Protein backbone atom coordinates (compact mmCIF):
# COMPACT_ATOMS: atom_id res chain seq x y z
CA MET A 1 14.39 35.41 38.56
CA ARG A 2 13.35 35.69 34.93
CA ALA A 3 17.01 35.48 33.84
CA PHE A 4 17.46 32.37 35.96
CA VAL A 5 14.45 30.65 34.37
CA ARG A 6 15.74 31.57 30.89
CA LEU A 7 19.22 30.22 31.77
CA LEU A 8 17.66 27.01 33.11
CA GLY A 9 15.73 26.61 29.85
CA ILE A 10 18.88 27.06 27.78
CA VAL A 11 20.78 24.57 29.92
CA SER A 12 17.93 22.06 29.52
CA VAL A 13 17.98 22.41 25.73
CA LEU A 14 21.76 22.02 25.65
CA ALA A 15 21.53 18.93 27.83
CA VAL A 16 19.08 17.32 25.39
CA PHE A 17 21.39 18.05 22.44
CA ALA A 18 24.43 16.82 24.34
CA ALA A 19 22.66 13.59 25.32
CA GLY A 20 21.42 12.94 21.78
CA PRO A 21 24.66 11.52 20.34
CA ALA A 22 25.32 9.53 23.50
CA LEU A 23 21.89 7.91 23.23
CA ALA A 24 22.51 7.14 19.57
CA GLN A 25 25.70 5.21 20.35
CA ALA A 26 25.33 1.67 21.60
CA SER A 27 27.83 0.61 24.25
CA ASP A 28 30.22 -2.27 23.61
CA ALA A 29 28.04 -4.40 25.90
CA ASP A 30 24.92 -3.47 23.92
CA GLN A 31 26.65 -4.25 20.64
CA ALA A 32 27.68 -7.67 21.94
CA ALA A 33 24.18 -8.33 23.29
CA ILE A 34 22.57 -7.36 19.97
CA ARG A 35 24.89 -9.65 18.07
CA GLN A 36 24.16 -12.49 20.52
CA VAL A 37 20.39 -12.08 20.12
CA ILE A 38 20.62 -12.30 16.32
CA GLN A 39 23.04 -15.24 16.43
CA SER A 40 20.83 -17.03 18.96
CA GLN A 41 17.73 -16.54 16.83
CA MET A 42 19.58 -17.87 13.77
CA ALA A 43 20.71 -20.89 15.82
CA ALA A 44 17.08 -21.50 16.81
CA PHE A 45 16.05 -21.29 13.14
CA GLU A 46 18.72 -23.86 12.30
CA LYS A 47 17.18 -26.26 14.84
CA ASP A 48 13.62 -25.42 13.76
CA ASP A 49 13.03 -24.31 17.35
CA GLY A 50 10.12 -21.95 16.79
CA PRO A 51 9.40 -21.05 20.42
CA THR A 52 13.01 -20.04 21.07
CA ALA A 53 13.32 -18.09 17.79
CA TYR A 54 10.00 -16.37 18.51
CA GLY A 55 11.28 -15.47 21.98
CA TYR A 56 13.94 -13.21 20.45
CA ALA A 57 11.28 -11.14 18.68
CA SER A 58 10.05 -7.94 20.31
CA PRO A 59 6.62 -7.86 21.94
CA THR A 60 5.39 -5.87 18.93
CA ILE A 61 6.45 -8.61 16.50
CA GLN A 62 5.09 -11.33 18.78
CA GLN A 63 1.74 -9.56 18.92
CA LYS A 64 1.73 -9.16 15.14
CA PHE A 65 2.21 -12.90 14.48
CA GLY A 66 0.41 -14.29 17.52
CA ASN A 67 2.38 -17.51 17.93
CA ALA A 68 5.65 -19.23 17.10
CA ASP A 69 4.21 -21.43 14.36
CA ILE A 70 2.90 -18.51 12.31
CA PHE A 71 6.15 -16.61 12.91
CA MET A 72 8.29 -19.56 11.76
CA GLN A 73 6.20 -20.07 8.63
CA MET A 74 6.69 -16.41 7.72
CA VAL A 75 10.46 -16.68 8.22
CA LYS A 76 10.75 -19.94 6.26
CA THR A 77 8.87 -18.59 3.25
CA GLY A 78 9.86 -14.93 3.30
CA TYR A 79 13.40 -14.93 4.68
CA PRO A 80 15.25 -18.07 3.53
CA ALA A 81 18.60 -16.22 3.64
CA VAL A 82 18.09 -15.60 7.37
CA TYR A 83 16.36 -18.92 8.06
CA ARG A 84 19.12 -21.05 6.51
CA PRO A 85 22.15 -18.85 5.81
CA HIS A 86 25.31 -20.45 4.43
CA ASP A 87 27.47 -17.54 5.57
CA VAL A 88 26.93 -14.73 8.07
CA GLU A 89 28.99 -11.60 8.66
CA PHE A 90 28.02 -8.83 11.05
CA ARG A 91 28.51 -5.38 9.61
CA ALA A 92 27.68 -1.89 10.86
CA LEU A 93 25.41 -1.08 13.77
CA LYS A 94 23.71 2.21 12.86
CA THR A 95 21.19 4.62 14.24
CA GLU A 96 18.70 5.85 11.65
CA ASN A 97 15.63 7.95 12.44
CA GLY A 98 15.96 6.99 16.09
CA ARG A 99 16.07 3.25 15.33
CA LEU A 100 19.04 1.02 16.04
CA LEU A 101 19.82 -1.07 12.94
CA GLN A 102 22.24 -3.99 12.75
CA GLU A 103 23.43 -4.89 9.26
CA VAL A 104 24.20 -8.57 8.69
CA PHE A 105 25.59 -9.81 5.39
CA VAL A 106 24.22 -13.28 4.63
CA VAL A 107 24.51 -15.75 1.80
CA GLY A 108 21.26 -17.63 1.39
CA PRO A 109 20.74 -21.30 0.59
CA ASP A 110 20.50 -20.33 -3.09
CA GLY A 111 24.02 -18.85 -2.94
CA LYS A 112 22.78 -15.30 -3.39
CA PRO A 113 24.12 -12.61 -1.05
CA ALA A 114 21.78 -10.30 0.84
CA LEU A 115 22.07 -7.65 3.49
CA ALA A 116 19.72 -8.34 6.38
CA ILE A 117 18.83 -5.18 8.30
CA TYR A 118 17.68 -5.95 11.84
CA GLU A 119 15.83 -3.28 13.78
CA MET A 120 16.68 -3.77 17.43
CA GLN A 121 14.57 -2.68 20.38
CA GLN A 122 15.77 -2.38 23.94
CA GLN A 123 13.30 -3.72 26.47
CA PRO A 124 12.49 -2.11 29.83
CA ASP A 125 14.72 -4.68 31.56
CA GLY A 126 17.67 -3.61 29.36
CA SER A 127 17.65 -6.71 27.15
CA TRP A 128 17.49 -6.50 23.36
CA ARG A 129 14.89 -7.97 21.00
CA ILE A 130 14.48 -8.01 17.24
CA ASN A 131 11.76 -5.57 16.18
CA GLY A 132 11.86 -6.40 12.49
CA CYS A 133 14.14 -7.51 9.71
CA TRP A 134 14.25 -6.82 6.01
CA LEU A 135 16.50 -8.03 3.24
CA THR A 136 18.16 -5.92 0.59
CA ASN A 137 20.24 -6.97 -2.38
CA ALA A 138 23.94 -7.07 -1.67
CA PRO A 139 26.83 -7.22 -4.07
CA ASP A 140 28.45 -10.63 -4.40
CA GLN A 141 31.07 -10.53 -1.64
CA SER A 142 32.73 -13.24 0.33
CA VAL A 143 32.26 -13.27 4.07
């Protein structure tokens, strides 16, 4: 019996390690859904549709900002390259420290390139929401 319990424990540990890479990989459907969420939020920014743009934010982000008006003001002032991009190119979808990160190369209204890193969060219903975004400098590249 003791050998069986030990074997069961080893199998359980192996199952966790085997599932790890599979959990880290987003399916093609998830990748498409993530891209659609980001594109839809950018389209809402373009129309100055705060409630719709805010709706693509995760519950954590929504709680942090409290309402669509405050959220939109933050995006307008802090993220002009995402708020009004001239060019957009989706790059790698990565897993880092257990977080799913979508890289999006953007050229802002000032003509300067940036790499927008979107942290994505899957909701209990399987949908995807944006759980944060930050901008990093990007080399001058065409999209």
